[in-house]
Amino acid sequence: MATQTPQAIRGTQDIFGAEAEAFTRVVEAFERLRRLYRFRRVEMPVFEKTAVFSRSLGETTDVVSKEMYSFDDRGGESLTLRPEFTAGIARAYLTDGWQQYAPVKVATHGPLFRYERPQKGRYRQFHQIDAEVIGSAEPQADIELLVMADHLLHDLGIADGVTLQLNTLGDADSREAWRAALVEYFRAHRADLSEDSQDRLERNPLRILDSKDPRDKPFTADAPRIDAYLSAEAQDFFGTVTSGLDAAGVAWTRAPALVRGLDYYRHTAFEFVTDRLGAQGTVLGGGRYDGLIEALGGPPTPAVGWAAGIERLAMLLTDVAEPALDVILAIEDDAALQFGIRALAALRRAGLSADMIASGSPKKRFDKAVKVNATALAAIAMRDGQPAVNLRGSAEAPVYVATEQVFEDLLQ
């Protein structure tokens, strides 16, 4: 009986070829901007104590109650594969002494895990880039992160058709007053709301505002808006953010229904959205979470950050192909193989991408090399007991000139 090959787990993916190159392009662009904006690179554990996420995300949220991959280790302690980065970074800020660097700017990327229904661009193991500023209460931190995000989208060439939607949740007092008004308003319509919104009414009424259920739409359209409850300080904060974006040339649009359900979110909330990814059009999102570190047992600490799905950003890239090859070597005589190996190593040390065809019929190796998409082709044979190189390509190309120099040095 033949052994059946195990299949990949549903909601995971094997990334190969052009898709892998698109994935890499996103990460490389993010790393380049991370250094440009002076964000420190951090690596975070893939799993944490479950309390890190249940306390930061809220016991009643869908992520905690339905989507987390949690398990008991051999010591009986509940651990969870990280569903997002922010909670782990906040934990590290408290446990690793990062307070001494405050305000600290950190960035990371890697895999995250959520048990949700796989759909276009969304997986159970997915990958994100993430940038956070912890310890700064100034709106300049919000501006810098938003400018950085906009810069990333332009660097990747995917900014066209992507809109920055921006809202304010106010300070703690503003938010609480707005929350009370929403509860009073939606209570009057409880019987007509969807089951999910009825459940959210008392514990998380802000979430009703971003409900996609058509039964809720007539009521969310006329719900109280945050602007009526903003304190003077909260208005000034949001005004500074928007004027800063204008000064930096970052286009934005007000989205008064854009909310964050958890109580520790304050002031700025934002999403970069597009219609090129179907109904779930958010490609990057974030906001200010001034109450999170306090929820994890630390002192009141202001913070703001964003995250973006690498897969979803990669899907927006066009004209992605595997990198072109600088030089292909065709070893037309097996006696020249050792020279070919030396040449291959020398080309790569010179910063040229290079490969070699040295198997199969020697007579057919040149024909195979011609079919490879390389800028320069070097056919290597033996003449009078010495290696000889026939170099072909565009003599004006820098790759050709550099390749020619490498062979001249080797043949001396």
Protein backbone atom coordinates (compact mmCIF):
# COMPACT_ATOMS: atom_id res chain seq x y z
CA MET A 1 0.00 0.00 0.00
CA ALA A 2 1.47 3.34 -1.09
CA THR A 3 2.14 5.95 1.58
CA GLN A 4 -0.09 8.98 1.18
CA THR A 5 1.75 12.30 1.07
CA PRO A 6 0.57 14.69 3.82
CA GLN A 7 -1.07 17.83 2.46
CA ALA A 8 -0.45 21.40 3.63
CA ILE A 9 -2.66 22.56 6.48
CA ARG A 10 -5.68 24.56 5.31
CA GLY A 11 -5.03 28.27 5.58
CA THR A 12 -1.26 27.95 5.12
CA GLN A 13 0.72 28.44 1.94
CA ASP A 14 3.99 27.50 0.32
CA ILE A 15 5.42 30.65 -1.25
CA PHE A 16 7.52 30.11 -4.40
CA GLY A 17 8.70 31.83 -7.56
CA ALA A 18 7.26 35.24 -8.44
CA GLU A 19 5.06 35.21 -5.32
CA ALA A 20 8.12 34.76 -3.14
CA GLU A 21 9.86 37.61 -4.96
CA ALA A 22 6.86 39.89 -4.35
CA PHE A 23 6.89 38.90 -0.67
CA THR A 24 10.62 39.70 -0.49
CA ARG A 25 10.15 43.04 -2.22
CA VAL A 26 7.68 44.13 0.47
CA VAL A 27 10.01 43.10 3.30
CA GLU A 28 13.05 44.75 1.69
CA ALA A 29 11.16 48.02 1.14
CA PHE A 30 9.98 47.96 4.77
CA GLU A 31 13.50 47.29 6.06
CA ARG A 32 14.90 50.11 3.95
CA LEU A 33 12.37 52.58 5.36
CA ARG A 34 12.81 51.24 8.90
CA ARG A 35 16.44 52.27 8.74
CA LEU A 36 15.62 55.56 7.01
CA TYR A 37 13.14 56.49 9.77
CA ARG A 38 15.46 55.19 12.53
CA PHE A 39 13.23 52.41 13.86
CA ARG A 40 15.07 49.71 15.82
CA ARG A 41 14.70 46.17 14.53
CA VAL A 42 13.26 43.72 17.08
CA GLU A 43 12.57 39.99 16.93
CA MET A 44 9.68 38.74 19.05
CA PRO A 45 8.80 35.22 20.30
CA VAL A 46 6.33 33.34 18.13
CA PHE A 47 4.42 32.29 21.24
CA GLU A 48 3.64 34.05 24.53
CA LYS A 49 1.70 33.32 27.67
CA THR A 50 -1.98 33.37 26.73
CA ALA A 51 -2.61 36.19 29.21
CA VAL A 52 -0.49 38.56 27.09
CA PHE A 53 -3.11 38.41 24.34
CA SER A 54 -6.27 37.85 26.39
CA ARG A 55 -5.52 40.90 28.56
CA SER A 56 -4.48 43.10 25.64
CA LEU A 57 -7.07 42.05 23.06
CA GLY A 58 -9.93 41.50 25.52
CA GLU A 59 -11.45 38.21 26.61
CA THR A 60 -14.65 38.85 24.67
CA THR A 61 -13.14 39.75 21.31
CA ASP A 62 -13.44 37.34 18.39
CA VAL A 63 -9.66 37.00 18.20
CA VAL A 64 -9.42 35.73 21.78
CA SER A 65 -12.65 33.75 21.93
CA LYS A 66 -12.56 32.15 18.46
CA GLU A 67 -9.31 32.68 16.57
CA MET A 68 -6.28 32.13 18.83
CA TYR A 69 -4.15 29.01 18.59
CA SER A 70 -3.68 28.25 22.29
CA PHE A 71 -2.26 25.13 23.93
CA ASP A 72 -0.98 23.89 27.28
CA ASP A 73 2.73 23.14 27.38
CA ARG A 74 4.19 20.21 29.30
CA GLY A 75 4.30 22.30 32.43
CA GLY A 76 0.58 22.96 32.19
CA GLU A 77 0.93 26.63 31.30
CA SER A 78 -1.37 28.06 28.62
CA LEU A 79 0.60 29.46 25.67
CA THR A 80 -0.63 31.08 22.45
CA LEU A 81 0.85 31.49 18.98
CA ARG A 82 0.95 35.23 18.44
CA PRO A 83 -2.12 36.56 16.57
CA GLU A 84 -0.56 40.05 16.34
CA PHE A 85 2.67 41.87 17.28
CA THR A 86 1.62 44.79 19.45
CA ALA A 87 0.82 42.89 22.65
CA GLY A 88 4.16 41.05 22.64
CA ILE A 89 6.05 44.27 21.98
CA ALA A 90 4.20 45.96 24.86
CA ARG A 91 5.07 43.02 27.13
CA ALA A 92 8.75 43.29 26.11
CA TYR A 93 8.70 47.03 26.81
CA LEU A 94 7.78 46.20 30.41
CA THR A 95 9.84 43.06 31.01
CA ASP A 96 13.03 43.90 29.08
CA GLY A 97 13.66 47.41 30.38
CA TRP A 98 12.90 49.24 27.14
CA GLN A 99 11.50 52.12 29.20
CA GLN A 100 15.05 53.47 29.47
CA TYR A 101 14.98 54.18 25.72
CA ALA A 102 11.57 55.89 25.69
CA PRO A 103 10.33 57.09 23.38
CA VAL A 104 11.42 53.94 21.56
CA LYS A 105 10.71 53.28 17.89
CA VAL A 106 10.67 49.58 16.99
CA ALA A 107 9.81 47.56 13.90
CA THR A 108 9.51 43.88 13.11
CA HIS A 109 8.02 41.42 10.65
CA GLY A 110 7.19 37.73 10.61
CA PRO A 111 4.42 35.11 10.82
CA LEU A 112 1.23 35.42 12.85
CA PHE A 113 -1.51 32.87 13.49
CA ARG A 114 -5.30 33.14 13.60
CA TYR A 115 -7.92 30.45 13.16
CA GLU A 116 -10.22 32.28 10.76
CA ARG A 117 -11.87 31.41 7.47
CA PRO A 118 -9.22 31.57 4.75
CA GLN A 119 -10.05 34.04 1.97
CA LYS A 120 -8.28 36.14 -0.63
CA GLY A 121 -5.08 37.42 0.92
CA ARG A 122 -5.98 36.10 4.39
CA TYR A 123 -4.48 32.95 5.85
CA ARG A 124 -4.35 31.12 9.18
CA GLN A 125 -0.60 31.55 9.11
CA PHE A 126 0.00 34.98 7.65
CA HIS A 127 2.79 37.54 7.76
CA GLN A 128 2.89 41.18 8.78
CA ILE A 129 5.23 44.12 8.93
CA ASP A 130 4.81 46.20 12.09
CA ALA A 131 6.03 49.59 13.35
CA GLU A 132 5.44 51.03 16.83
CA VAL A 133 6.39 54.15 18.80
CA ILE A 134 6.14 53.62 22.58
CA GLY A 135 6.48 56.36 25.15
CA SER A 136 5.52 59.37 23.03
CA ALA A 137 2.29 61.23 23.76
CA GLU A 138 2.98 63.77 21.02
CA PRO A 139 0.93 63.81 17.80
CA GLN A 140 4.23 64.00 15.91
CA ALA A 141 4.61 60.25 16.55
CA ASP A 142 1.28 59.60 14.83
CA ILE A 143 2.32 61.82 11.93
CA GLU A 144 5.67 60.08 11.50
CA LEU A 145 4.09 56.63 11.41
CA LEU A 146 1.46 57.73 8.89
CA VAL A 147 4.07 59.40 6.68
CA MET A 148 6.20 56.25 6.88
CA ALA A 149 3.24 54.07 5.88
CA ASP A 150 2.39 56.34 2.94
CA HIS A 151 6.08 56.36 1.93
CA LEU A 152 6.10 52.55 1.92
CA LEU A 153 3.08 52.32 -0.38
CA HIS A 154 4.67 54.80 -2.81
CA ASP A 155 8.01 52.98 -2.70
CA LEU A 156 6.24 49.75 -3.61
CA GLY A 157 4.41 51.49 -6.44
CA ILE A 158 0.97 50.57 -5.10
CA ALA A 159 -0.23 53.91 -3.71
CA ASP A 160 -2.60 54.62 -6.62
CA GLY A 161 -6.11 53.61 -5.63
CA VAL A 162 -5.21 53.31 -1.94
CA THR A 163 -6.92 55.82 0.37
CA LEU A 164 -5.88 56.80 3.89
CA GLN A 165 -9.03 56.84 6.03
CA LEU A 166 -8.54 58.73 9.27
CA ASN A 167 -10.57 59.25 12.42
CA THR A 168 -10.13 60.32 16.04
CA LEU A 169 -11.45 58.38 19.03
CA GLY A 170 -10.70 61.29 21.37
CA ASP A 171 -9.08 61.09 24.77
CA ALA A 172 -10.42 58.85 27.55
CA ASP A 173 -13.14 61.28 28.67
CA SER A 174 -14.27 62.01 25.10
CA ARG A 175 -14.44 58.34 24.27
CA GLU A 176 -16.42 57.48 27.40
CA ALA A 177 -18.97 60.22 26.71
CA TRP A 178 -19.33 59.01 23.12
CA ARG A 179 -19.69 55.42 24.29
CA ALA A 180 -22.51 56.34 26.67
CA ALA A 181 -24.32 58.20 23.88
CA LEU A 182 -23.99 55.20 21.54
CA VAL A 183 -25.38 52.82 24.16
CA GLU A 184 -28.38 55.07 24.72
CA TYR A 185 -28.97 55.46 20.97
CA PHE A 186 -28.66 51.78 20.06
CA ARG A 187 -30.75 50.61 23.02
CA ALA A 188 -33.71 52.36 21.42
CA HIS A 189 -33.22 50.16 18.33
CA ARG A 190 -32.06 46.95 20.02
CA ALA A 191 -34.82 44.73 18.60
CA ASP A 192 -33.96 45.70 15.02
CA LEU A 193 -30.19 45.20 15.30
CA SER A 194 -28.36 42.07 14.17
CA GLU A 195 -27.63 39.41 16.77
CA ASP A 196 -23.93 40.34 16.80
CA SER A 197 -24.72 44.00 17.39
CA GLN A 198 -27.19 43.18 20.14
CA ASP A 199 -24.42 41.21 21.82
CA ARG A 200 -21.97 44.11 21.40
CA LEU A 201 -24.38 46.78 22.63
CA GLU A 202 -23.43 46.75 26.31
CA ARG A 203 -19.82 45.59 26.19
CA ASN A 204 -18.47 47.03 22.92
CA PRO A 205 -20.94 49.47 21.28
CA LEU A 206 -18.29 51.13 19.09
CA ARG A 207 -17.97 47.89 17.14
CA ILE A 208 -21.57 48.27 15.95
CA LEU A 209 -20.47 51.27 13.88
CA ASP A 210 -18.31 49.10 11.59
CA SER A 211 -20.89 46.31 11.28
CA LYS A 212 -21.24 44.93 7.76
CA ASP A 213 -24.69 43.44 8.46
CA PRO A 214 -27.32 45.19 6.30
CA ARG A 215 -29.78 45.11 9.23
CA ASP A 216 -27.50 47.53 11.12
CA LYS A 217 -26.86 49.99 8.30
CA PRO A 218 -29.99 52.15 8.77
CA PHE A 219 -29.06 52.74 12.41
CA THR A 220 -25.31 53.19 12.13
CA ALA A 221 -25.78 55.94 9.55
CA ASP A 222 -27.58 58.16 12.10
CA ALA A 223 -25.60 57.14 15.20
CA PRO A 224 -23.89 59.84 17.31
CA ARG A 225 -20.48 60.91 15.99
CA ILE A 226 -17.35 61.39 18.07
CA ASP A 227 -17.00 65.05 17.05
CA ALA A 228 -19.86 66.08 19.33
CA TYR A 229 -18.02 64.70 22.36
CA LEU A 230 -14.42 65.71 21.70
CA SER A 231 -12.66 67.73 24.38
CA ALA A 232 -10.68 70.80 23.35
CA GLU A 233 -7.45 68.84 23.91
CA ALA A 234 -8.64 65.99 21.70
CA GLN A 235 -9.65 68.41 18.95
CA ASP A 236 -6.22 70.05 19.09
CA PHE A 237 -4.49 66.65 18.94
CA PHE A 238 -6.42 65.56 15.84
CA GLY A 239 -5.93 68.98 14.24
CA THR A 240 -2.17 68.69 14.71
CA VAL A 241 -2.17 65.23 13.11
CA THR A 242 -4.16 66.33 10.06
CA SER A 243 -2.16 69.54 9.54
CA GLY A 244 1.05 67.51 9.84
CA LEU A 245 -0.14 65.12 7.14
CA ASP A 246 -1.02 68.07 4.93
CA ALA A 247 2.45 69.54 5.47
CA ALA A 248 4.06 66.20 4.53
CA GLY A 249 1.92 65.88 1.38
CA VAL A 250 0.01 62.82 2.60
CA ALA A 251 -3.57 62.70 1.27
CA TRP A 252 -6.25 61.58 3.72
CA THR A 253 -10.00 61.42 4.05
CA ARG A 254 -12.11 61.62 7.20
CA ALA A 255 -13.87 58.36 8.11
CA PRO A 256 -16.13 59.09 11.12
CA ALA A 257 -17.31 55.45 11.33
CA LEU A 258 -13.75 54.10 11.64
CA VAL A 259 -13.43 52.80 15.20
CA ARG A 260 -11.41 50.57 17.49
CA GLY A 261 -13.50 48.60 19.95
CA LEU A 262 -11.05 48.15 22.80
CA ASP A 263 -10.99 50.74 25.57
CA TYR A 264 -7.25 51.34 25.47
CA TYR A 265 -7.40 52.94 22.01
CA ARG A 266 -7.22 56.74 22.00
CA HIS A 267 -7.07 59.59 19.50
CA THR A 268 -5.84 58.56 16.04
CA ALA A 269 -7.29 55.55 14.20
CA PHE A 270 -6.49 54.91 10.55
CA GLU A 271 -6.65 52.44 7.67
CA PHE A 272 -5.22 52.46 4.17
CA VAL A 273 -7.89 50.85 2.01
CA THR A 274 -8.31 49.80 -1.62
CA ASP A 275 -11.00 48.20 -3.75
CA ARG A 276 -8.44 45.98 -5.50
CA LEU A 277 -8.61 43.21 -2.87
CA GLY A 278 -12.35 42.58 -2.75
CA ALA A 279 -14.60 43.42 0.19
CA GLN A 280 -11.78 43.13 2.75
CA GLY A 281 -9.88 46.09 1.36
CA THR A 282 -7.64 47.16 4.26
CA VAL A 283 -3.94 46.86 3.39
CA LEU A 284 -2.50 48.69 6.42
CA GLY A 285 -4.05 49.87 9.66
CA GLY A 286 -3.29 51.12 13.12
CA GLY A 287 -3.84 53.75 15.73
CA ARG A 288 -2.92 55.12 19.13
CA TYR A 289 -3.26 52.72 22.08
CA ASP A 290 -2.35 54.80 25.12
CA GLY A 291 -4.02 52.41 27.57
CA LEU A 292 -2.55 49.07 26.48
CA ILE A 293 0.60 48.92 28.59
CA GLU A 294 -1.41 49.87 31.66
CA ALA A 295 -3.77 46.96 30.86
CA LEU A 296 -0.71 44.68 30.95
CA GLY A 297 0.21 45.84 34.45
CA GLY A 298 2.57 48.68 33.56
CA PRO A 299 2.39 52.42 34.19
CA PRO A 300 0.29 54.67 31.94
CA THR A 301 2.32 54.78 28.73
CA PRO A 302 1.36 56.45 25.43
CA ALA A 303 1.93 54.43 22.26
CA VAL A 304 0.94 54.31 18.60
CA GLY A 305 1.61 51.85 15.80
CA TRP A 306 0.51 50.13 12.63
CA ALA A 307 0.71 46.78 10.90
CA ALA A 308 0.21 45.56 7.34
CA GLY A 309 -0.24 42.12 5.83
CA ILE A 310 2.73 41.21 3.65
CA GLU A 311 0.63 38.86 1.50
CA ARG A 312 -1.95 41.58 0.83
CA LEU A 313 0.67 44.18 -0.07
CA ALA A 314 2.41 41.65 -2.32
CA MET A 315 -0.86 40.95 -4.15
CA LEU A 316 -0.98 44.61 -5.22
CA LEU A 317 2.46 44.49 -6.82
CA THR A 318 2.69 44.19 -10.59
CA ASP A 319 5.44 43.06 -12.96
CA VAL A 320 7.11 40.91 -10.33
CA ALA A 321 9.46 38.27 -11.72
CA GLU A 322 12.38 36.29 -10.43
CA PRO A 323 15.57 38.39 -10.51
CA ALA A 324 17.49 38.52 -13.77
CA LEU A 325 20.75 36.60 -13.94
CA ASP A 326 23.92 38.56 -14.63
CA VAL A 327 26.15 35.78 -16.00
CA ILE A 328 25.60 32.20 -17.12
CA LEU A 329 28.62 29.93 -17.63
CA ALA A 330 28.54 27.07 -20.13
CA ILE A 331 31.31 24.52 -19.47
CA GLU A 332 31.86 23.08 -22.94
CA ASP A 333 34.77 20.85 -21.89
CA ASP A 334 34.79 18.87 -18.65
CA ALA A 335 38.53 19.55 -18.37
CA ALA A 336 37.60 23.23 -17.81
CA LEU A 337 35.28 22.48 -14.87
CA GLN A 338 37.72 23.51 -12.14
CA PHE A 339 38.34 26.82 -13.88
CA GLY A 340 34.57 27.25 -14.18
CA ILE A 341 34.14 26.72 -10.44
CA ARG A 342 36.85 29.34 -9.76
CA ALA A 343 35.18 31.73 -12.20
CA LEU A 344 31.74 31.22 -10.63
CA ALA A 345 33.11 32.01 -7.17
CA ALA A 346 35.01 35.08 -8.46
CA LEU A 347 31.95 36.48 -10.24
CA ARG A 348 29.82 36.15 -7.13
CA ARG A 349 32.50 37.75 -4.96
CA ALA A 350 32.47 40.66 -7.43
CA GLY A 351 28.77 41.14 -6.72
CA LEU A 352 27.46 39.53 -9.91
CA SER A 353 24.71 36.92 -9.85
CA ALA A 354 26.02 33.90 -11.70
CA ASP A 355 25.15 30.29 -12.46
CA MET A 356 26.77 27.46 -14.35
CA ILE A 357 25.69 24.69 -16.73
CA ALA A 358 28.15 21.80 -16.44
CA SER A 359 26.00 18.67 -16.69
CA GLY A 360 24.58 16.75 -19.61
CA SER A 361 26.10 16.57 -23.05
CA PRO A 362 28.98 19.08 -23.36
CA LYS A 363 27.84 19.81 -26.94
CA LYS A 364 24.41 20.92 -25.74
CA ARG A 365 25.48 23.05 -22.78
CA PHE A 366 25.99 26.18 -24.85
CA ASP A 367 22.52 25.82 -26.40
CA LYS A 368 21.03 25.49 -22.91
CA ALA A 369 22.92 28.57 -21.74
CA VAL A 370 21.60 30.64 -24.65
CA LYS A 371 18.04 29.93 -23.46
CA VAL A 372 18.79 31.24 -19.96
CA ASN A 373 17.78 34.86 -19.44
CA ALA A 374 21.24 36.21 -18.51
CA THR A 375 22.87 39.53 -19.37
CA ALA A 376 26.18 37.86 -20.29
CA LEU A 377 27.08 34.34 -21.41
CA ALA A 378 30.55 32.86 -20.99
CA ALA A 379 31.35 29.66 -22.89
CA ILE A 380 34.40 28.01 -21.29
CA ALA A 381 36.51 25.41 -23.10
CA MET A 382 40.16 24.30 -23.23
CA ARG A 383 42.63 25.57 -25.84
CA ASP A 384 46.16 24.15 -25.93
CA GLY A 385 45.71 22.85 -22.40
CA GLN A 386 44.55 26.22 -21.02
CA PRO A 387 41.03 27.46 -20.26
CA ALA A 388 39.58 29.83 -22.85
CA VAL A 389 36.54 32.05 -22.47
CA ASN A 390 34.17 33.21 -25.19
CA LEU A 391 32.20 36.05 -23.59
CA ARG A 392 28.97 37.20 -25.20
CA GLY A 393 26.56 39.99 -24.35
CA SER A 394 26.23 43.74 -24.63
CA ALA A 395 29.67 45.30 -24.41
CA GLU A 396 28.08 48.55 -23.17
CA ALA A 397 26.39 46.89 -20.19
CA PRO A 398 28.09 47.40 -16.80
CA VAL A 399 27.54 43.70 -16.09
CA TYR A 400 29.48 42.77 -19.22
CA VAL A 401 32.36 45.11 -18.36
CA ALA A 402 32.60 43.76 -14.82
CA THR A 403 32.42 40.17 -16.08
CA GLU A 404 35.16 40.79 -18.63
CA GLN A 405 37.40 42.21 -15.90
CA VAL A 406 36.84 39.15 -13.69
CA PHE A 407 37.88 36.78 -16.49
CA GLU A 408 40.90 38.90 -17.39
CA ASP A 409 42.09 38.65 -13.79
CA LEU A 410 41.52 34.89 -13.72
CA LEU A 411 43.30 34.24 -17.00
CA GLN A 412 46.43 36.22 -16.16
